[in-house]
Amino acid sequence: MRTFAKGLAALALACSSAANAEGGYFGGTAGLMTIDRSNFDDPFNLGLRAGYTFASGWGFEGEYTNSIISGEADAFSGDIDVDIQTLAFYGTYRSHGNIYFKGRAGILHEDIDFFGDDTGISLGAGVGFNFGPNTNVELEYTLIEEDVNFWSGTMILSF
């Protein structure tokens, strides 16, 4: 019985450290950019993300997204395509465990075809799932600006 308990404790410790291992990562992200205005259809964005996480859970990441399916806005002269392109740099925190909380805050530059471009503060939160020592999936909400939100899923590969 003692051997079983020791083995179980060692396995739990190994899994915990694998979920919070220090190192770099990269991944792909996809999701819906929701625009909180009437007469708008939301674009669908695809992007790349790369970063580094320290053993404490703190880290940093960069992210680029671009619309692969344009949204539409009803205008006086007809429908106008709406594409959103973002480039952001964040400070991040991931809690410990195989299912974890993620928070991020940083600076983001956005270019929205219909509105123009802007740079400002961006905040996000989500939940992550550790599927192995090198593979995570994260589901997130990110505030792009006051009336634009990004609901995304990301697959991350660690190295």
N, C-alpha and C. Protein backbone atom coordinates (compact mmCIF):
# COMPACT_ATOMS: atom_id res chain seq x y z
N MET A 1 0.82 -1.20 0.00
CA MET A 1 0.00 0.00 0.00
C MET A 1 0.86 1.25 0.00
N ARG A 2 1.95 1.24 0.78
CA ARG A 2 2.84 2.41 0.83
C ARG A 2 3.49 2.65 -0.53
N THR A 3 3.88 1.58 -1.21
CA THR A 3 4.50 1.72 -2.52
C THR A 3 3.51 2.35 -3.50
N PHE A 4 2.25 1.92 -3.46
CA PHE A 4 1.23 2.48 -4.32
C PHE A 4 1.04 3.98 -4.04
N ALA A 5 0.97 4.36 -2.77
CA ALA A 5 0.79 5.77 -2.39
C ALA A 5 1.99 6.61 -2.84
N LYS A 6 3.20 6.08 -2.68
CA LYS A 6 4.39 6.81 -3.12
C LYS A 6 4.39 6.97 -4.64
N GLY A 7 4.01 5.91 -5.33
CA GLY A 7 3.94 5.98 -6.80
C GLY A 7 2.91 6.98 -7.27
N LEU A 8 1.76 6.99 -6.63
CA LEU A 8 0.70 7.94 -6.97
C LEU A 8 1.15 9.38 -6.70
N ALA A 9 1.82 9.61 -5.59
CA ALA A 9 2.34 10.95 -5.27
C ALA A 9 3.38 11.38 -6.29
N ALA A 10 4.27 10.49 -6.69
CA ALA A 10 5.29 10.81 -7.69
C ALA A 10 4.66 11.13 -9.04
N LEU A 11 3.63 10.37 -9.42
CA LEU A 11 2.93 10.62 -10.67
C LEU A 11 2.24 11.98 -10.65
N ALA A 12 1.57 12.31 -9.56
CA ALA A 12 0.90 13.60 -9.43
C ALA A 12 1.90 14.75 -9.51
N LEU A 13 3.04 14.59 -8.87
CA LEU A 13 4.08 15.63 -8.92
C LEU A 13 4.62 15.78 -10.33
N ALA A 14 4.85 14.69 -11.02
CA ALA A 14 5.36 14.75 -12.39
C ALA A 14 4.35 15.42 -13.33
N CYS A 15 3.08 15.08 -13.19
CA CYS A 15 2.04 15.69 -14.04
C CYS A 15 1.92 17.18 -13.76
N SER A 16 2.00 17.56 -12.49
CA SER A 16 1.89 18.96 -12.12
C SER A 16 3.04 19.76 -12.69
N SER A 17 4.25 19.23 -12.62
CA SER A 17 5.40 19.97 -13.14
C SER A 17 5.36 20.03 -14.65
N ALA A 18 4.84 19.00 -15.32
CA ALA A 18 4.74 19.03 -16.77
C ALA A 18 3.75 20.09 -17.22
N ALA A 19 2.68 20.28 -16.46
CA ALA A 19 1.67 21.27 -16.82
C ALA A 19 2.19 22.69 -16.65
N ASN A 20 3.20 22.89 -15.83
CA ASN A 20 3.70 24.22 -15.55
C ASN A 20 5.18 24.34 -15.89
N ALA A 21 5.64 23.57 -16.85
CA ALA A 21 7.04 23.58 -17.22
C ALA A 21 7.43 24.93 -17.81
N GLU A 22 8.62 25.34 -17.49
CA GLU A 22 9.16 26.58 -18.02
C GLU A 22 9.60 26.35 -19.46
N GLY A 23 9.34 27.32 -20.33
CA GLY A 23 9.83 27.20 -21.69
C GLY A 23 9.01 27.98 -22.69
N GLY A 24 9.46 27.90 -23.92
CA GLY A 24 8.81 28.61 -25.01
C GLY A 24 7.67 27.80 -25.61
N TYR A 25 6.82 28.48 -26.36
CA TYR A 25 5.70 27.83 -27.02
C TYR A 25 5.29 28.63 -28.25
N PHE A 26 4.59 27.96 -29.15
CA PHE A 26 3.98 28.62 -30.29
C PHE A 26 2.68 27.89 -30.60
N GLY A 27 1.80 28.57 -31.33
CA GLY A 27 0.53 27.93 -31.63
C GLY A 27 -0.29 28.73 -32.61
N GLY A 28 -1.43 28.15 -32.95
CA GLY A 28 -2.38 28.80 -33.84
C GLY A 28 -3.65 29.11 -33.08
N THR A 29 -4.26 30.23 -33.41
CA THR A 29 -5.49 30.65 -32.75
C THR A 29 -6.55 30.95 -33.80
N ALA A 30 -7.80 30.70 -33.47
CA ALA A 30 -8.92 30.97 -34.37
C ALA A 30 -10.12 31.36 -33.54
N GLY A 31 -10.90 32.30 -34.08
CA GLY A 31 -12.09 32.69 -33.34
C GLY A 31 -12.86 33.82 -33.99
N LEU A 32 -13.93 34.18 -33.33
CA LEU A 32 -14.86 35.19 -33.82
C LEU A 32 -14.56 36.54 -33.18
N MET A 33 -14.40 37.56 -34.02
CA MET A 33 -14.27 38.95 -33.55
C MET A 33 -15.68 39.54 -33.53
N THR A 34 -16.25 39.67 -32.35
CA THR A 34 -17.61 40.20 -32.26
C THR A 34 -17.57 41.72 -32.15
N ILE A 35 -18.39 42.37 -32.95
CA ILE A 35 -18.49 43.83 -32.97
C ILE A 35 -19.83 44.19 -32.36
N ASP A 36 -19.81 44.94 -31.26
CA ASP A 36 -21.02 45.29 -30.52
C ASP A 36 -21.68 46.55 -31.10
N ARG A 37 -22.07 46.47 -32.34
CA ARG A 37 -22.80 47.56 -32.99
C ARG A 37 -23.88 46.94 -33.85
N SER A 38 -24.95 47.68 -34.05
CA SER A 38 -26.03 47.16 -34.89
C SER A 38 -25.59 47.18 -36.36
N ASN A 39 -26.20 46.34 -37.15
CA ASN A 39 -25.95 46.25 -38.59
C ASN A 39 -24.56 45.74 -38.95
N PHE A 40 -23.95 44.94 -38.06
CA PHE A 40 -22.63 44.37 -38.34
C PHE A 40 -22.69 42.86 -38.25
N ASP A 41 -22.09 42.18 -39.21
CA ASP A 41 -21.83 40.75 -39.13
C ASP A 41 -20.37 40.58 -38.76
N ASP A 42 -20.08 39.65 -37.86
CA ASP A 42 -18.75 39.53 -37.27
C ASP A 42 -17.78 38.76 -38.17
N PRO A 43 -16.53 39.24 -38.27
CA PRO A 43 -15.51 38.50 -39.02
C PRO A 43 -14.94 37.34 -38.20
N PHE A 44 -14.35 36.36 -38.90
CA PHE A 44 -13.69 35.22 -38.27
C PHE A 44 -12.19 35.37 -38.51
N ASN A 45 -11.41 35.34 -37.41
CA ASN A 45 -9.97 35.56 -37.50
C ASN A 45 -9.17 34.29 -37.25
N LEU A 46 -8.00 34.23 -37.87
CA LEU A 46 -7.03 33.17 -37.70
C LEU A 46 -5.71 33.84 -37.36
N GLY A 47 -4.90 33.24 -36.48
CA GLY A 47 -3.66 33.91 -36.10
C GLY A 47 -2.60 32.97 -35.57
N LEU A 48 -1.47 33.58 -35.25
CA LEU A 48 -0.32 32.89 -34.69
C LEU A 48 0.03 33.50 -33.35
N ARG A 49 0.52 32.65 -32.45
CA ARG A 49 0.90 33.11 -31.11
C ARG A 49 2.21 32.44 -30.72
N ALA A 50 3.09 33.18 -30.06
CA ALA A 50 4.34 32.62 -29.54
C ALA A 50 4.66 33.32 -28.23
N GLY A 51 5.31 32.59 -27.32
CA GLY A 51 5.64 33.20 -26.04
C GLY A 51 6.54 32.33 -25.20
N TYR A 52 6.67 32.74 -23.95
CA TYR A 52 7.53 32.04 -23.00
C TYR A 52 6.84 32.08 -21.64
N THR A 53 6.82 30.93 -20.95
CA THR A 53 6.25 30.85 -19.60
C THR A 53 7.34 30.45 -18.63
N PHE A 54 7.43 31.18 -17.52
CA PHE A 54 8.38 30.85 -16.46
C PHE A 54 7.74 29.83 -15.51
N ALA A 55 8.55 29.16 -14.70
CA ALA A 55 8.04 28.13 -13.79
C ALA A 55 7.00 28.68 -12.82
N SER A 56 7.05 29.97 -12.51
CA SER A 56 6.09 30.60 -11.60
C SER A 56 4.69 30.73 -12.21
N GLY A 57 4.57 30.57 -13.53
CA GLY A 57 3.30 30.77 -14.22
C GLY A 57 3.24 32.08 -14.97
N TRP A 58 4.09 33.04 -14.63
CA TRP A 58 4.15 34.32 -15.32
C TRP A 58 4.88 34.14 -16.65
N GLY A 59 4.56 34.97 -17.62
CA GLY A 59 5.22 34.86 -18.91
C GLY A 59 4.86 36.03 -19.80
N PHE A 60 5.16 35.88 -21.07
CA PHE A 60 4.84 36.90 -22.07
C PHE A 60 4.54 36.19 -23.39
N GLU A 61 3.76 36.88 -24.25
CA GLU A 61 3.46 36.32 -25.56
C GLU A 61 3.15 37.41 -26.56
N GLY A 62 3.35 37.09 -27.82
CA GLY A 62 2.98 37.95 -28.93
C GLY A 62 1.94 37.22 -29.77
N GLU A 63 1.05 37.99 -30.37
CA GLU A 63 -0.03 37.38 -31.15
C GLU A 63 -0.35 38.25 -32.36
N TYR A 64 -0.55 37.60 -33.51
CA TYR A 64 -0.99 38.27 -34.72
C TYR A 64 -2.24 37.55 -35.23
N THR A 65 -3.29 38.30 -35.55
CA THR A 65 -4.49 37.70 -36.15
C THR A 65 -4.93 38.54 -37.35
N ASN A 66 -5.63 37.88 -38.26
CA ASN A 66 -6.18 38.55 -39.44
C ASN A 66 -7.47 37.85 -39.83
N SER A 67 -8.42 38.60 -40.36
CA SER A 67 -9.70 38.03 -40.77
C SER A 67 -9.52 37.13 -41.99
N ILE A 68 -10.01 35.89 -41.89
CA ILE A 68 -10.02 35.02 -43.06
C ILE A 68 -11.42 34.95 -43.66
N ILE A 69 -12.42 35.29 -42.85
CA ILE A 69 -13.78 35.46 -43.35
C ILE A 69 -14.23 36.85 -42.92
N SER A 70 -14.48 37.70 -43.90
CA SER A 70 -14.84 39.09 -43.62
C SER A 70 -16.21 39.18 -42.98
N GLY A 71 -16.35 40.17 -42.11
CA GLY A 71 -17.67 40.53 -41.62
C GLY A 71 -18.28 41.52 -42.59
N GLU A 72 -19.49 41.94 -42.33
CA GLU A 72 -20.14 42.92 -43.19
C GLU A 72 -20.82 43.98 -42.35
N ALA A 73 -20.83 45.19 -42.89
CA ALA A 73 -21.54 46.30 -42.26
C ALA A 73 -22.53 46.86 -43.26
N ASP A 74 -23.76 47.09 -42.81
CA ASP A 74 -24.76 47.72 -43.68
C ASP A 74 -24.48 49.21 -43.71
N ALA A 75 -24.26 49.73 -44.90
CA ALA A 75 -23.99 51.16 -45.08
C ALA A 75 -25.02 51.71 -46.07
N PHE A 76 -25.01 53.01 -46.24
CA PHE A 76 -25.97 53.65 -47.14
C PHE A 76 -25.84 53.14 -48.57
N SER A 77 -24.61 52.85 -48.99
CA SER A 77 -24.39 52.42 -50.37
C SER A 77 -24.39 50.90 -50.53
N GLY A 78 -24.77 50.16 -49.48
CA GLY A 78 -24.79 48.70 -49.55
C GLY A 78 -23.91 48.10 -48.48
N ASP A 79 -23.61 46.81 -48.63
CA ASP A 79 -22.77 46.12 -47.66
C ASP A 79 -21.29 46.43 -47.89
N ILE A 80 -20.57 46.61 -46.78
CA ILE A 80 -19.13 46.86 -46.81
C ILE A 80 -18.45 45.74 -46.04
N ASP A 81 -17.39 45.16 -46.62
CA ASP A 81 -16.63 44.13 -45.91
C ASP A 81 -15.89 44.75 -44.73
N VAL A 82 -15.88 44.03 -43.61
CA VAL A 82 -15.17 44.47 -42.41
C VAL A 82 -14.15 43.40 -42.05
N ASP A 83 -12.88 43.77 -42.11
CA ASP A 83 -11.78 42.89 -41.72
C ASP A 83 -11.05 43.51 -40.54
N ILE A 84 -10.60 42.66 -39.61
CA ILE A 84 -9.87 43.12 -38.44
C ILE A 84 -8.52 42.42 -38.41
N GLN A 85 -7.47 43.22 -38.28
CA GLN A 85 -6.11 42.71 -38.17
C GLN A 85 -5.55 43.21 -36.84
N THR A 86 -4.92 42.31 -36.05
CA THR A 86 -4.37 42.71 -34.76
C THR A 86 -2.94 42.23 -34.60
N LEU A 87 -2.16 43.00 -33.87
CA LEU A 87 -0.81 42.63 -33.45
C LEU A 87 -0.69 43.05 -31.99
N ALA A 88 -0.39 42.09 -31.10
CA ALA A 88 -0.41 42.38 -29.67
C ALA A 88 0.77 41.74 -28.95
N PHE A 89 1.14 42.37 -27.83
CA PHE A 89 2.16 41.83 -26.93
C PHE A 89 1.58 41.87 -25.52
N TYR A 90 1.62 40.71 -24.83
CA TYR A 90 0.96 40.56 -23.54
C TYR A 90 1.92 40.05 -22.48
N GLY A 91 1.66 40.46 -21.24
CA GLY A 91 2.17 39.77 -20.07
C GLY A 91 1.10 38.76 -19.70
N THR A 92 1.50 37.54 -19.33
CA THR A 92 0.53 36.47 -19.09
C THR A 92 0.73 35.83 -17.72
N TYR A 93 -0.32 35.19 -17.24
CA TYR A 93 -0.22 34.33 -16.06
C TYR A 93 -1.08 33.10 -16.28
N ARG A 94 -0.50 31.93 -16.04
CA ARG A 94 -1.22 30.66 -16.09
C ARG A 94 -1.13 30.02 -14.72
N SER A 95 -2.27 29.64 -14.15
CA SER A 95 -2.25 28.95 -12.86
C SER A 95 -1.71 27.53 -13.06
N HIS A 96 -1.47 26.84 -11.96
CA HIS A 96 -0.88 25.50 -12.04
C HIS A 96 -1.96 24.44 -12.18
N GLY A 97 -1.63 23.36 -12.86
CA GLY A 97 -2.54 22.22 -12.99
C GLY A 97 -2.82 21.84 -14.42
N ASN A 98 -3.45 20.70 -14.61
CA ASN A 98 -3.79 20.23 -15.95
C ASN A 98 -4.98 20.99 -16.55
N ILE A 99 -5.84 21.53 -15.70
CA ILE A 99 -6.86 22.49 -16.12
C ILE A 99 -6.50 23.78 -15.39
N TYR A 100 -6.29 24.85 -16.13
CA TYR A 100 -5.74 26.06 -15.52
C TYR A 100 -6.44 27.32 -16.02
N PHE A 101 -6.31 28.36 -15.23
CA PHE A 101 -6.80 29.69 -15.57
C PHE A 101 -5.68 30.45 -16.27
N LYS A 102 -6.03 31.26 -17.26
CA LYS A 102 -5.05 32.12 -17.92
C LYS A 102 -5.58 33.55 -17.93
N GLY A 103 -4.72 34.48 -17.59
CA GLY A 103 -5.03 35.89 -17.71
C GLY A 103 -3.94 36.58 -18.50
N ARG A 104 -4.29 37.64 -19.20
CA ARG A 104 -3.28 38.38 -19.96
C ARG A 104 -3.67 39.85 -20.07
N ALA A 105 -2.65 40.69 -20.11
CA ALA A 105 -2.85 42.13 -20.27
C ALA A 105 -1.68 42.65 -21.09
N GLY A 106 -1.97 43.58 -21.99
CA GLY A 106 -0.88 44.10 -22.81
C GLY A 106 -1.33 45.22 -23.72
N ILE A 107 -0.52 45.43 -24.73
CA ILE A 107 -0.77 46.48 -25.70
C ILE A 107 -1.08 45.84 -27.05
N LEU A 108 -2.06 46.41 -27.75
CA LEU A 108 -2.54 45.84 -28.99
C LEU A 108 -2.71 46.93 -30.04
N HIS A 109 -2.27 46.63 -31.25
CA HIS A 109 -2.53 47.51 -32.40
C HIS A 109 -3.54 46.81 -33.28
N GLU A 110 -4.60 47.50 -33.62
CA GLU A 110 -5.66 46.92 -34.45
C GLU A 110 -5.86 47.78 -35.69
N ASP A 111 -6.22 47.12 -36.76
CA ASP A 111 -6.57 47.81 -38.00
C ASP A 111 -7.91 47.24 -38.45
N ILE A 112 -8.96 48.05 -38.31
CA ILE A 112 -10.30 47.64 -38.70
C ILE A 112 -10.66 48.42 -39.95
N ASP A 113 -10.92 47.69 -41.05
CA ASP A 113 -11.16 48.33 -42.34
C ASP A 113 -12.20 49.44 -42.28
N PHE A 114 -13.27 49.20 -41.56
CA PHE A 114 -14.38 50.15 -41.54
C PHE A 114 -14.11 51.35 -40.63
N PHE A 115 -13.29 51.16 -39.56
CA PHE A 115 -13.08 52.21 -38.56
C PHE A 115 -11.71 52.87 -38.61
N GLY A 116 -10.70 52.21 -39.15
CA GLY A 116 -9.34 52.72 -39.11
C GLY A 116 -8.51 51.93 -38.13
N ASP A 117 -7.36 52.48 -37.75
CA ASP A 117 -6.48 51.74 -36.84
C ASP A 117 -6.35 52.48 -35.52
N ASP A 118 -5.91 51.71 -34.49
CA ASP A 118 -5.80 52.25 -33.15
C ASP A 118 -4.84 51.37 -32.36
N THR A 119 -4.24 51.94 -31.33
CA THR A 119 -3.38 51.19 -30.41
C THR A 119 -3.88 51.45 -29.00
N GLY A 120 -3.95 50.40 -28.19
CA GLY A 120 -4.44 50.57 -26.83
C GLY A 120 -4.21 49.35 -25.97
N ILE A 121 -4.76 49.41 -24.77
CA ILE A 121 -4.64 48.32 -23.80
C ILE A 121 -5.62 47.20 -24.16
N SER A 122 -5.19 45.97 -24.00
CA SER A 122 -6.03 44.81 -24.26
C SER A 122 -5.95 43.87 -23.06
N LEU A 123 -7.08 43.29 -22.68
CA LEU A 123 -7.16 42.37 -21.54
C LEU A 123 -7.82 41.07 -21.99
N GLY A 124 -7.42 39.97 -21.38
CA GLY A 124 -8.03 38.70 -21.73
C GLY A 124 -8.02 37.72 -20.57
N ALA A 125 -8.91 36.74 -20.63
CA ALA A 125 -8.97 35.68 -19.62
C ALA A 125 -9.49 34.42 -20.28
N GLY A 126 -9.11 33.29 -19.72
CA GLY A 126 -9.57 32.04 -20.29
C GLY A 126 -9.23 30.85 -19.42
N VAL A 127 -9.48 29.69 -19.99
CA VAL A 127 -9.18 28.43 -19.33
C VAL A 127 -8.37 27.58 -20.29
N GLY A 128 -7.40 26.84 -19.73
CA GLY A 128 -6.55 25.98 -20.54
C GLY A 128 -6.62 24.54 -20.09
N PHE A 129 -6.32 23.66 -21.02
CA PHE A 129 -6.34 22.22 -20.77
C PHE A 129 -5.01 21.64 -21.23
N ASN A 130 -4.32 20.94 -20.35
CA ASN A 130 -3.04 20.33 -20.67
C ASN A 130 -3.30 18.91 -21.18
N PHE A 131 -2.97 18.65 -22.44
CA PHE A 131 -3.20 17.33 -23.03
C PHE A 131 -1.93 16.49 -23.10
N GLY A 132 -0.85 16.97 -22.54
CA GLY A 132 0.42 16.24 -22.54
C GLY A 132 1.53 17.19 -22.21
N PRO A 133 2.75 16.70 -22.19
CA PRO A 133 3.86 17.58 -21.81
C PRO A 133 4.12 18.70 -22.81
N ASN A 134 3.66 18.57 -24.05
CA ASN A 134 3.95 19.58 -25.06
C ASN A 134 2.72 20.19 -25.70
N THR A 135 1.51 19.81 -25.31
CA THR A 135 0.31 20.24 -26.02
C THR A 135 -0.74 20.78 -25.06
N ASN A 136 -1.18 22.00 -25.31
CA ASN A 136 -2.24 22.64 -24.53
C ASN A 136 -3.29 23.20 -25.48
N VAL A 137 -4.52 23.29 -25.00
CA VAL A 137 -5.60 23.97 -25.71
C VAL A 137 -6.15 25.02 -24.76
N GLU A 138 -6.32 26.25 -25.26
CA GLU A 138 -6.84 27.35 -24.44
C GLU A 138 -8.08 27.95 -25.10
N LEU A 139 -9.10 28.22 -24.31
CA LEU A 139 -10.31 28.90 -24.74
C LEU A 139 -10.33 30.25 -24.04
N GLU A 140 -10.41 31.34 -24.82
CA GLU A 140 -10.21 32.67 -24.24
C GLU A 140 -11.22 33.70 -24.73
N TYR A 141 -11.36 34.72 -23.92
CA TYR A 141 -12.04 35.96 -24.28
C TYR A 141 -11.00 37.07 -24.20
N THR A 142 -10.92 37.90 -25.24
CA THR A 142 -10.00 39.04 -25.23
C THR A 142 -10.75 40.30 -25.62
N LEU A 143 -10.60 41.33 -24.81
CA LEU A 143 -11.17 42.65 -25.12
C LEU A 143 -10.20 43.35 -26.07
N ILE A 144 -10.63 43.55 -27.32
CA ILE A 144 -9.79 44.21 -28.32
C ILE A 144 -9.91 45.73 -28.16
N GLU A 145 -11.12 46.20 -28.09
CA GLU A 145 -11.41 47.60 -27.76
C GLU A 145 -12.81 47.63 -27.17
N GLU A 146 -13.29 48.81 -26.88
CA GLU A 146 -14.56 48.96 -26.16
C GLU A 146 -15.70 48.15 -26.77
N ASP A 147 -15.78 48.08 -28.09
CA ASP A 147 -16.90 47.39 -28.73
C ASP A 147 -16.47 46.26 -29.67
N VAL A 148 -15.25 45.76 -29.50
CA VAL A 148 -14.77 44.61 -30.28
C VAL A 148 -14.18 43.58 -29.32
N ASN A 149 -14.66 42.34 -29.42
CA ASN A 149 -14.22 41.25 -28.55
C ASN A 149 -13.76 40.07 -29.41
N PHE A 150 -12.79 39.31 -28.90
CA PHE A 150 -12.27 38.14 -29.61
C PHE A 150 -12.53 36.90 -28.77
N TRP A 151 -13.36 36.00 -29.26
CA TRP A 151 -13.66 34.72 -28.62
C TRP A 151 -12.89 33.66 -29.38
N SER A 152 -11.87 33.06 -28.75
CA SER A 152 -10.94 32.23 -29.51
C SER A 152 -10.62 30.90 -28.83
N GLY A 153 -10.12 30.00 -29.65
CA GLY A 153 -9.53 28.75 -29.21
C GLY A 153 -8.12 28.69 -29.76
N THR A 154 -7.18 28.20 -28.96
CA THR A 154 -5.77 28.17 -29.36
C THR A 154 -5.19 26.80 -29.05
N MET A 155 -4.42 26.27 -29.99
CA MET A 155 -3.65 25.04 -29.77
C MET A 155 -2.20 25.45 -29.63
N ILE A 156 -1.57 25.06 -28.51
CA ILE A 156 -0.21 25.48 -28.19
C ILE A 156 0.71 24.26 -28.14
N LEU A 157 1.87 24.38 -28.76
CA LEU A 157 2.91 23.36 -28.69
C LEU A 157 4.10 23.96 -27.96
N SER A 158 4.56 23.30 -26.92
CA SER A 158 5.69 23.78 -26.11
C SER A 158 6.98 23.14 -26.58
N PHE A 159 8.08 23.86 -26.38
CA PHE A 159 9.40 23.30 -26.71
C PHE A 159 10.39 23.61 -25.63
